[in-house]
């Protein structure tokens, strides 16, 4: 499990990205890079990273399911992810 502070920090960063998205788009269209530079750093979408919704793990993230490989495996074995089952042949 990731530290609660890291999960909270990422959530805050994501909210800031959403808050400034429209303003960033307008400034980019105008080509006003001075004003873009003055916006908060965390408002840039490239600074946000994907985290597992269950554990908060930043690595081995599966976009399609929104969770890490470890959480995915646990939930898949329990049958809690619709349409996913263990392969056998």
PDB file of N, CA and C in Angstrom:
ATOM      1  N   UNK A   1       0.846  -1.184   0.000  1.00  0.00           N
ATOM      2  CA  UNK A   1       0.000   0.000   0.000  1.00  0.00           C
ATOM      3  C   UNK A   1       0.885   1.239   0.000  1.00  0.00           C
ATOM      4  N   UNK A   2       0.557   2.176  -0.854  1.00  0.00           N
ATOM      5  CA  UNK A   2       1.321   3.416  -0.933  1.00  0.00           C
ATOM      6  C   UNK A   2       1.008   4.306   0.269  1.00  0.00           C
ATOM      7  N   UNK A   3       1.919   5.229   0.524  1.00  0.00           N
ATOM      8  CA  UNK A   3       1.689   6.162   1.623  1.00  0.00           C
ATOM      9  C   UNK A   3       0.463   7.013   1.315  1.00  0.00           C
ATOM     10  N   UNK A   4      -0.312   7.280   2.327  1.00  0.00           N
ATOM     11  CA  UNK A   4      -1.525   8.074   2.143  1.00  0.00           C
ATOM     12  C   UNK A   4      -1.205   9.474   1.639  1.00  0.00           C
ATOM     13  N   UNK A   5      -0.054  10.007   2.050  1.00  0.00           N
ATOM     14  CA  UNK A   5       0.331  11.350   1.613  1.00  0.00           C
ATOM     15  C   UNK A   5       0.586  11.383   0.103  1.00  0.00           C
ATOM     16  N   UNK A   6       1.164  10.303  -0.446  1.00  0.00           N
ATOM     17  CA  UNK A   6       1.436  10.254  -1.885  1.00  0.00           C
ATOM     18  C   UNK A   6       0.140  10.142  -2.685  1.00  0.00           C
ATOM     19  N   UNK A   7      -0.798   9.365  -2.166  1.00  0.00           N
ATOM     20  CA  UNK A   7      -2.095   9.230  -2.827  1.00  0.00           C
ATOM     21  C   UNK A   7      -2.821  10.565  -2.820  1.00  0.00           C
ATOM     22  N   UNK A   8      -2.800  11.251  -1.671  1.00  0.00           N
ATOM     23  CA  UNK A   8      -3.450  12.552  -1.546  1.00  0.00           C
ATOM     24  C   UNK A   8      -2.792  13.582  -2.449  1.00  0.00           C
ATOM     25  N   UNK A   9      -1.474  13.554  -2.522  1.00  0.00           N
ATOM     26  CA  UNK A   9      -0.735  14.493  -3.363  1.00  0.00           C
ATOM     27  C   UNK A   9      -1.103  14.304  -4.834  1.00  0.00           C
ATOM     28  N   UNK A  10      -1.211  13.043  -5.255  1.00  0.00           N
ATOM     29  CA  UNK A  10      -1.581  12.762  -6.643  1.00  0.00           C
ATOM     30  C   UNK A  10      -3.009  13.217  -6.936  1.00  0.00           C
ATOM     31  N   UNK A  11      -3.906  13.019  -5.981  1.00  0.00           N
ATOM     32  CA  UNK A  11      -5.298  13.435  -6.151  1.00  0.00           C
ATOM     33  C   UNK A  11      -5.381  14.963  -6.282  1.00  0.00           C
ATOM     34  N   UNK A  12      -4.599  15.657  -5.463  1.00  0.00           N
ATOM     35  CA  UNK A  12      -4.548  17.121  -5.504  1.00  0.00           C
ATOM     36  C   UNK A  12      -3.991  17.595  -6.851  1.00  0.00           C
ATOM     37  N   UNK A  13      -2.952  16.909  -7.322  1.00  0.00           N
ATOM     38  CA  UNK A  13      -2.334  17.234  -8.611  1.00  0.00           C
ATOM     39  C   UNK A  13      -3.339  17.064  -9.751  1.00  0.00           C
ATOM     40  N   UNK A  14      -4.131  15.987  -9.692  1.00  0.00           N
ATOM     41  CA  UNK A  14      -5.128  15.718 -10.729  1.00  0.00           C
ATOM     42  C   UNK A  14      -6.213  16.796 -10.739  1.00  0.00           C
ATOM     43  N   UNK A  15      -6.626  17.256  -9.565  1.00  0.00           N
ATOM     44  CA  UNK A  15      -7.622  18.322  -9.485  1.00  0.00           C
ATOM     45  C   UNK A  15      -7.079  19.617 -10.074  1.00  0.00           C
ATOM     46  N   UNK A  16      -5.798  19.887  -9.837  1.00  0.00           N
ATOM     47  CA  UNK A  16      -5.186  21.096 -10.371  1.00  0.00           C
ATOM     48  C   UNK A  16      -5.090  21.031 -11.893  1.00  0.00           C
ATOM     49  N   UNK A  17      -4.811  19.860 -12.433  1.00  0.00           N
ATOM     50  CA  UNK A  17      -4.762  19.682 -13.888  1.00  0.00           C
ATOM     51  C   UNK A  17      -6.120  20.003 -14.488  1.00  0.00           C
ATOM     52  N   UNK A  18      -7.187  19.481 -13.869  1.00  0.00           N
ATOM     53  CA  UNK A  18      -8.543  19.730 -14.354  1.00  0.00           C
ATOM     54  C   UNK A  18      -8.918  21.199 -14.230  1.00  0.00           C
ATOM     55  N   UNK A  19      -8.488  21.837 -13.158  1.00  0.00           N
ATOM     56  CA  UNK A  19      -8.825  23.244 -12.915  1.00  0.00           C
ATOM     57  C   UNK A  19      -8.218  24.159 -13.978  1.00  0.00           C
ATOM     58  N   UNK A  20      -6.952  23.910 -14.351  1.00  0.00           N
ATOM     59  CA  UNK A  20      -6.243  24.793 -15.270  1.00  0.00           C
ATOM     60  C   UNK A  20      -6.248  24.311 -16.723  1.00  0.00           C
ATOM     61  N   UNK A  21      -6.946  23.224 -17.036  1.00  0.00           N
ATOM     62  CA  UNK A  21      -6.903  22.649 -18.382  1.00  0.00           C
ATOM     63  C   UNK A  21      -7.360  23.647 -19.446  1.00  0.00           C
ATOM     64  N   UNK A  22      -8.464  24.313 -19.202  1.00  0.00           N
ATOM     65  CA  UNK A  22      -9.008  25.267 -20.182  1.00  0.00           C
ATOM     66  C   UNK A  22      -8.067  26.459 -20.381  1.00  0.00           C
ATOM     67  N   UNK A  23      -7.547  26.976 -19.281  1.00  0.00           N
ATOM     68  CA  UNK A  23      -6.639  28.122 -19.344  1.00  0.00           C
ATOM     69  C   UNK A  23      -5.348  27.754 -20.088  1.00  0.00           C
ATOM     70  N   UNK A  24      -4.826  26.564 -19.824  1.00  0.00           N
ATOM     71  CA  UNK A  24      -3.609  26.098 -20.513  1.00  0.00           C
ATOM     72  C   UNK A  24      -3.850  25.982 -22.012  1.00  0.00           C
ATOM     73  N   UNK A  25      -5.018  25.450 -22.378  1.00  0.00           N
ATOM     74  CA  UNK A  25      -5.348  25.287 -23.794  1.00  0.00           C
ATOM     75  C   UNK A  25      -5.407  26.632 -24.502  1.00  0.00           C
ATOM     76  N   UNK A  26      -6.053  27.610 -23.869  1.00  0.00           N
ATOM     77  CA  UNK A  26      -6.165  28.948 -24.456  1.00  0.00           C
ATOM     78  C   UNK A  26      -4.790  29.598 -24.626  1.00  0.00           C
ATOM     79  N   UNK A  27      -3.953  29.497 -23.595  1.00  0.00           N
ATOM     80  CA  UNK A  27      -2.625  30.102 -23.664  1.00  0.00           C
ATOM     81  C   UNK A  27      -1.750  29.439 -24.727  1.00  0.00           C
ATOM     82  N   UNK A  28      -1.897  28.141 -24.904  1.00  0.00           N
ATOM     83  CA  UNK A  28      -1.132  27.449 -25.939  1.00  0.00           C
ATOM     84  C   UNK A  28      -1.574  27.880 -27.329  1.00  0.00           C
ATOM     85  N   UNK A  29      -2.888  28.084 -27.507  1.00  0.00           N
ATOM     86  CA  UNK A  29      -3.396  28.528 -28.810  1.00  0.00           C
ATOM     87  C   UNK A  29      -2.875  29.920 -29.148  1.00  0.00           C
ATOM     88  N   UNK A  30      -2.799  30.790 -28.138  1.00  0.00           N
ATOM     89  CA  UNK A  30      -2.289  32.147 -28.348  1.00  0.00           C
ATOM     90  C   UNK A  30      -0.775  32.147 -28.544  1.00  0.00           C
ATOM     91  N   UNK A  31      -0.110  31.143 -28.005  1.00  0.00           N
ATOM     92  CA  UNK A  31       1.348  31.092 -28.058  1.00  0.00           C
ATOM     93  C   UNK A  31       1.996  31.920 -26.962  1.00  0.00           C
ATOM     94  N   UNK A  32       1.254  32.180 -25.906  1.00  0.00           N
ATOM     95  CA  UNK A  32       1.747  32.986 -24.785  1.00  0.00           C
ATOM     96  C   UNK A  32       2.466  32.086 -23.777  1.00  0.00           C
ATOM     97  N   UNK A  33       3.726  31.793 -24.054  1.00  0.00           N
ATOM     98  CA  UNK A  33       4.476  30.865 -23.217  1.00  0.00           C
ATOM     99  C   UNK A  33       4.954  31.498 -21.916  1.00  0.00           C
ATOM    100  N   UNK A  34       5.019  32.808 -21.863  1.00  0.00           N
ATOM    101  CA  UNK A  34       5.374  33.493 -20.607  1.00  0.00           C
ATOM    102  C   UNK A  34       4.284  33.271 -19.571  1.00  0.00           C
ATOM    103  N   UNK A  35       3.021  33.433 -19.994  1.00  0.00           N
ATOM    104  CA  UNK A  35       1.900  33.230 -19.070  1.00  0.00           C
ATOM    105  C   UNK A  35       1.792  31.752 -18.679  1.00  0.00           C
ATOM    106  N   UNK A  36       2.087  30.865 -19.624  1.00  0.00           N
ATOM    107  CA  UNK A  36       2.059  29.429 -19.317  1.00  0.00           C
ATOM    108  C   UNK A  36       3.085  29.091 -18.243  1.00  0.00           C
ATOM    109  N   UNK A  37       4.231  29.724 -18.318  1.00  0.00           N
ATOM    110  CA  UNK A  37       5.299  29.464 -17.367  1.00  0.00           C
ATOM    111  C   UNK A  37       4.908  29.905 -15.956  1.00  0.00           C
ATOM    112  N   UNK A  38       4.030  30.891 -15.864  1.00  0.00           N
ATOM    113  CA  UNK A  38       3.628  31.420 -14.553  1.00  0.00           C
ATOM    114  C   UNK A  38       2.553  30.577 -13.866  1.00  0.00           C
ATOM    115  N   UNK A  39       1.930  29.657 -14.609  1.00  0.00           N
ATOM    116  CA  UNK A  39       0.938  28.775 -13.996  1.00  0.00           C
ATOM    117  C   UNK A  39       1.646  27.800 -13.050  1.00  0.00           C
ATOM    118  N   UNK A  40       0.923  27.234 -12.086  1.00  0.00           N
ATOM    119  CA  UNK A  40       1.549  26.274 -11.169  1.00  0.00           C
ATOM    120  C   UNK A  40       2.099  25.062 -11.921  1.00  0.00           C
ATOM    121  N   UNK A  41       3.212  24.556 -11.455  1.00  0.00           N
ATOM    122  CA  UNK A  41       3.844  23.410 -12.125  1.00  0.00           C
ATOM    123  C   UNK A  41       2.952  22.177 -12.120  1.00  0.00           C
ATOM    124  N   UNK A  42       2.258  21.960 -11.022  1.00  0.00           N
ATOM    125  CA  UNK A  42       1.415  20.767 -10.930  1.00  0.00           C
ATOM    126  C   UNK A  42       0.169  20.846 -11.803  1.00  0.00           C
ATOM    127  N   UNK A  43      -0.055  21.968 -12.469  1.00  0.00           N
ATOM    128  CA  UNK A  43      -1.208  22.066 -13.357  1.00  0.00           C
ATOM    129  C   UNK A  43      -0.909  21.452 -14.725  1.00  0.00           C
ATOM    130  N   UNK A  44       0.335  21.070 -14.953  1.00  0.00           N
ATOM    131  CA  UNK A  44       0.707  20.422 -16.208  1.00  0.00           C
ATOM    132  C   UNK A  44       0.297  18.952 -16.167  1.00  0.00           C
ATOM    133  N   UNK A  45      -0.396  18.475 -17.196  1.00  0.00           N
ATOM    134  CA  UNK A  45      -0.846  17.074 -17.174  1.00  0.00           C
ATOM    135  C   UNK A  45       0.292  16.060 -17.219  1.00  0.00           C
ATOM    136  N   UNK A  46       1.461  16.459 -17.675  1.00  0.00           N
ATOM    137  CA  UNK A  46       2.572  15.512 -17.738  1.00  0.00           C
ATOM    138  C   UNK A  46       3.138  15.191 -16.361  1.00  0.00           C
ATOM    139  N   UNK A  47       2.845  16.003 -15.376  1.00  0.00           N
ATOM    140  CA  UNK A  47       3.353  15.746 -14.019  1.00  0.00           C
ATOM    141  C   UNK A  47       2.499  14.736 -13.256  1.00  0.00           C
ATOM    142  N   UNK A  48       1.289  14.486 -13.723  1.00  0.00           N
ATOM    143  CA  UNK A  48       0.447  13.505 -13.030  1.00  0.00           C
ATOM    144  C   UNK A  48       0.784  12.111 -13.543  1.00  0.00           C
ATOM    145  N   UNK A  49       0.773  11.140 -12.647  1.00  0.00           N
ATOM    146  CA  UNK A  49       1.019   9.767 -13.053  1.00  0.00           C
ATOM    147  C   UNK A  49      -0.123   8.881 -12.581  1.00  0.00           C
ATOM    148  N   UNK A  50      -0.290   7.759 -13.241  1.00  0.00           N
ATOM    149  CA  UNK A  50      -1.380   6.848 -12.911  1.00  0.00           C
ATOM    150  C   UNK A  50      -1.049   6.058 -11.655  1.00  0.00           C
ATOM    151  N   UNK A  51      -2.062   5.893 -10.811  1.00  0.00           N
ATOM    152  CA  UNK A  51      -1.910   5.100  -9.592  1.00  0.00           C
ATOM    153  C   UNK A  51      -3.061   4.119  -9.492  1.00  0.00           C
ATOM    154  N   UNK A  52      -2.780   2.999  -8.881  1.00  0.00           N
ATOM    155  CA  UNK A  52      -3.787   1.959  -8.667  1.00  0.00           C
ATOM    156  C   UNK A  52      -4.909   2.517  -7.792  1.00  0.00           C
ATOM    157  N   UNK A  53      -6.140   2.261  -8.191  1.00  0.00           N
ATOM    158  CA  UNK A  53      -7.290   2.749  -7.430  1.00  0.00           C
ATOM    159  C   UNK A  53      -7.433   2.019  -6.099  1.00  0.00           C
ATOM    160  N   UNK A  54      -6.930   0.806  -6.018  1.00  0.00           N
ATOM    161  CA  UNK A  54      -7.072  -0.009  -4.816  1.00  0.00           C
ATOM    162  C   UNK A  54      -5.933   0.249  -3.829  1.00  0.00           C
ATOM    163  N   UNK A  55      -4.695   0.137  -4.307  1.00  0.00           N
ATOM    164  CA  UNK A  55      -3.546   0.205  -3.408  1.00  0.00           C
ATOM    165  C   UNK A  55      -2.766   1.511  -3.496  1.00  0.00           C
ATOM    166  N   UNK A  56      -2.907   2.249  -4.573  1.00  0.00           N
ATOM    167  CA  UNK A  56      -2.147   3.486  -4.749  1.00  0.00           C
ATOM    168  C   UNK A  56      -0.778   3.255  -5.348  1.00  0.00           C
ATOM    169  N   UNK A  57      -0.498   2.031  -5.779  1.00  0.00           N
ATOM    170  CA  UNK A  57       0.801   1.683  -6.351  1.00  0.00           C
ATOM    171  C   UNK A  57       1.005   2.403  -7.685  1.00  0.00           C
ATOM    172  N   UNK A  58       2.167   3.098  -7.867  1.00  0.00           N
ATOM    173  CA  UNK A  58       2.383   3.855  -9.098  1.00  0.00           C
ATOM    174  C   UNK A  58       2.953   3.021 -10.249  1.00  0.00           C
ATOM    175  N   UNK A  59       3.553   1.886  -9.938  1.00  0.00           N
ATOM    176  CA  UNK A  59       4.175   1.078 -10.987  1.00  0.00           C
ATOM    177  C   UNK A  59       3.289  -0.101 -11.372  1.00  0.00           C
ATOM    178  N   UNK A  60       3.524  -0.644 -12.571  1.00  0.00           N
ATOM    179  CA  UNK A  60       2.783  -1.792 -13.097  1.00  0.00           C
ATOM    180  C   UNK A  60       1.288  -1.499 -13.125  1.00  0.00           C
ATOM    181  N   UNK A  61       0.924  -0.330 -13.619  1.00  0.00           N
ATOM    182  CA  UNK A  61      -0.468   0.128 -13.687  1.00  0.00           C
ATOM    183  C   UNK A  61      -1.098  -0.348 -14.990  1.00  0.00           C
ATOM    184  N   UNK A  62      -2.296  -0.896 -14.916  1.00  0.00           N
ATOM    185  CA  UNK A  62      -3.015  -1.344 -16.105  1.00  0.00           C
ATOM    186  C   UNK A  62      -4.141  -0.354 -16.379  1.00  0.00           C
ATOM    187  N   UNK A  63      -4.010   0.411 -17.463  1.00  0.00           N
ATOM    188  CA  UNK A  63      -4.982   1.463 -17.771  1.00  0.00           C
ATOM    189  C   UNK A  63      -6.399   0.939 -17.944  1.00  0.00           C
ATOM    190  N   UNK A  64      -6.528  -0.158 -18.626  1.00  0.00           N
ATOM    191  CA  UNK A  64      -7.852  -0.698 -18.938  1.00  0.00           C
ATOM    192  C   UNK A  64      -8.666  -0.978 -17.678  1.00  0.00           C
ATOM    193  N   UNK A  65      -7.992  -1.368 -16.613  1.00  0.00           N
ATOM    194  CA  UNK A  65      -8.687  -1.727 -15.377  1.00  0.00           C
ATOM    195  C   UNK A  65      -8.499  -0.712 -14.262  1.00  0.00           C
ATOM    196  N   UNK A  66      -7.543   0.208 -14.402  1.00  0.00           N
ATOM    197  CA  UNK A  66      -7.330   1.241 -13.397  1.00  0.00           C
ATOM    198  C   UNK A  66      -6.691   0.750 -12.114  1.00  0.00           C
ATOM    199  N   UNK A  67      -5.943  -0.348 -12.215  1.00  0.00           N
ATOM    200  CA  UNK A  67      -5.297  -0.886 -11.024  1.00  0.00           C
ATOM    201  C   UNK A  67      -3.965  -1.524 -11.384  1.00  0.00           C
ATOM    202  N   UNK A  68      -3.179  -1.805 -10.358  1.00  0.00           N
ATOM    203  CA  UNK A  68      -1.871  -2.412 -10.578  1.00  0.00           C
ATOM    204  C   UNK A  68      -2.036  -3.898 -10.886  1.00  0.00           C
ATOM    205  N   UNK A  69      -0.955  -4.503 -11.357  1.00  0.00           N
ATOM    206  CA  UNK A  69      -0.998  -5.920 -11.726  1.00  0.00           C
ATOM    207  C   UNK A  69      -1.289  -6.812 -10.521  1.00  0.00           C
ATOM    208  N   UNK A  70      -0.824  -6.399  -9.348  1.00  0.00           N
ATOM    209  CA  UNK A  70      -1.014  -7.208  -8.146  1.00  0.00           C
ATOM    210  C   UNK A  70      -2.484  -7.196  -7.715  1.00  0.00           C
ATOM    211  N   UNK A  71      -3.072  -6.010  -7.669  1.00  0.00           N
ATOM    212  CA  UNK A  71      -4.482  -5.896  -7.305  1.00  0.00           C
ATOM    213  C   UNK A  71      -5.358  -6.565  -8.366  1.00  0.00           C
ATOM    214  N   UNK A  72      -4.965  -6.395  -9.640  1.00  0.00           N
ATOM    215  CA  UNK A  72      -5.714  -7.016 -10.731  1.00  0.00           C
ATOM    216  C   UNK A  72      -5.759  -8.529 -10.565  1.00  0.00           C
ATOM    217  N   UNK A  73      -4.617  -9.118 -10.239  1.00  0.00           N
ATOM    218  CA  UNK A  73      -4.531 -10.569 -10.083  1.00  0.00           C
ATOM    219  C   UNK A  73      -5.421 -11.052  -8.935  1.00  0.00           C
ATOM    220  N   UNK A  74      -5.376 -10.341  -7.826  1.00  0.00           N
ATOM    221  CA  UNK A  74      -6.208 -10.722  -6.673  1.00  0.00           C
ATOM    222  C   UNK A  74      -7.695 -10.671  -7.026  1.00  0.00           C
ATOM    223  N   UNK A  75      -8.116  -9.568  -7.626  1.00  0.00           N
ATOM    224  CA  UNK A  75      -9.531  -9.393  -7.956  1.00  0.00           C
ATOM    225  C   UNK A  75      -9.975 -10.372  -9.040  1.00  0.00           C
ATOM    226  N   UNK A  76      -9.086 -10.662  -9.996  1.00  0.00           N
ATOM    227  CA  UNK A  76      -9.421 -11.608 -11.060  1.00  0.00           C
ATOM    228  C   UNK A  76      -9.598 -13.013 -10.498  1.00  0.00           C
ATOM    229  N   UNK A  77      -8.736 -13.411  -9.567  1.00  0.00           N
ATOM    230  CA  UNK A  77      -8.850 -14.740  -8.959  1.00  0.00           C
ATOM    231  C   UNK A  77     -10.142 -14.879  -8.156  1.00  0.00           C
ATOM    232  N   UNK A  78     -10.560 -13.795  -7.534  1.00  0.00           N
ATOM    233  CA  UNK A  78     -11.808 -13.823  -6.761  1.00  0.00           C
ATOM    234  C   UNK A  78     -13.032 -13.725  -7.663  1.00  0.00           C
ATOM    235  N   UNK A  79     -12.822 -13.379  -8.937  1.00  0.00           N
ATOM    236  CA  UNK A  79     -13.937 -13.238  -9.874  1.00  0.00           C
ATOM    237  C   UNK A  79     -14.659 -11.913  -9.737  1.00  0.00           C
ATOM    238  N   UNK A  80     -13.972 -10.892  -9.247  1.00  0.00           N
ATOM    239  CA  UNK A  80     -14.603  -9.596  -9.001  1.00  0.00           C
ATOM    240  C   UNK A  80     -14.445  -8.616 -10.161  1.00  0.00           C
ATOM    241  N   UNK A  81     -13.750  -9.027 -11.237  1.00  0.00           N
ATOM    242  CA  UNK A  81     -13.613  -8.174 -12.416  1.00  0.00           C
ATOM    243  C   UNK A  81     -14.448  -8.802 -13.524  1.00  0.00           C
ATOM    244  N   UNK A  82     -15.496  -8.128 -13.999  1.00  0.00           N
ATOM    245  CA  UNK A  82     -16.360  -8.702 -15.012  1.00  0.00           C
ATOM    246  C   UNK A  82     -15.608  -8.977 -16.315  1.00  0.00           C
ATOM    247  N   UNK A  83     -15.846 -10.149 -16.875  1.00  0.00           N
ATOM    248  CA  UNK A  83     -15.252 -10.504 -18.156  1.00  0.00           C
ATOM    249  C   UNK A  83     -13.836 -11.018 -18.088  1.00  0.00           C
ATOM    250  N   UNK A  84     -13.284 -11.198 -16.900  1.00  0.00           N
ATOM    251  CA  UNK A  84     -11.921 -11.674 -16.753  1.00  0.00           C
ATOM    252  C   UNK A  84     -11.944 -12.987 -15.994  1.00  0.00           C
ATOM    253  N   UNK A  85     -11.275 -13.997 -16.555  1.00  0.00           N
ATOM    254  CA  UNK A  85     -11.140 -15.261 -15.834  1.00  0.00           C
ATOM    255  C   UNK A  85      -9.778 -15.856 -16.128  1.00  0.00           C
ATOM    256  N   UNK A  86      -9.334 -16.724 -15.264  1.00  0.00           N
ATOM    257  CA  UNK A  86      -8.011 -17.329 -15.411  1.00  0.00           C
ATOM    258  C   UNK A  86      -7.999 -18.243 -16.633  1.00  0.00           C
ATOM    259  N   UNK A  87      -6.942 -18.086 -17.436  1.00  0.00           N
ATOM    260  CA  UNK A  87      -6.839 -18.895 -18.645  1.00  0.00           C
ATOM    261  C   UNK A  87      -6.389 -20.318 -18.302  1.00  0.00           C
ATOM    262  N   UNK A  88      -6.940 -21.283 -19.027  1.00  0.00           N
ATOM    263  CA  UNK A  88      -6.481 -22.666 -18.883  1.00  0.00           C
ATOM    264  C   UNK A  88      -6.686 -23.363 -20.224  1.00  0.00           C
ATOM    265  N   UNK A  89      -5.684 -24.109 -20.657  1.00  0.00           N
ATOM    266  CA  UNK A  89      -5.777 -24.824 -21.923  1.00  0.00           C
ATOM    267  C   UNK A  89      -5.055 -26.131 -21.883  1.00  0.00           C
TER     268      UNK A  89
END
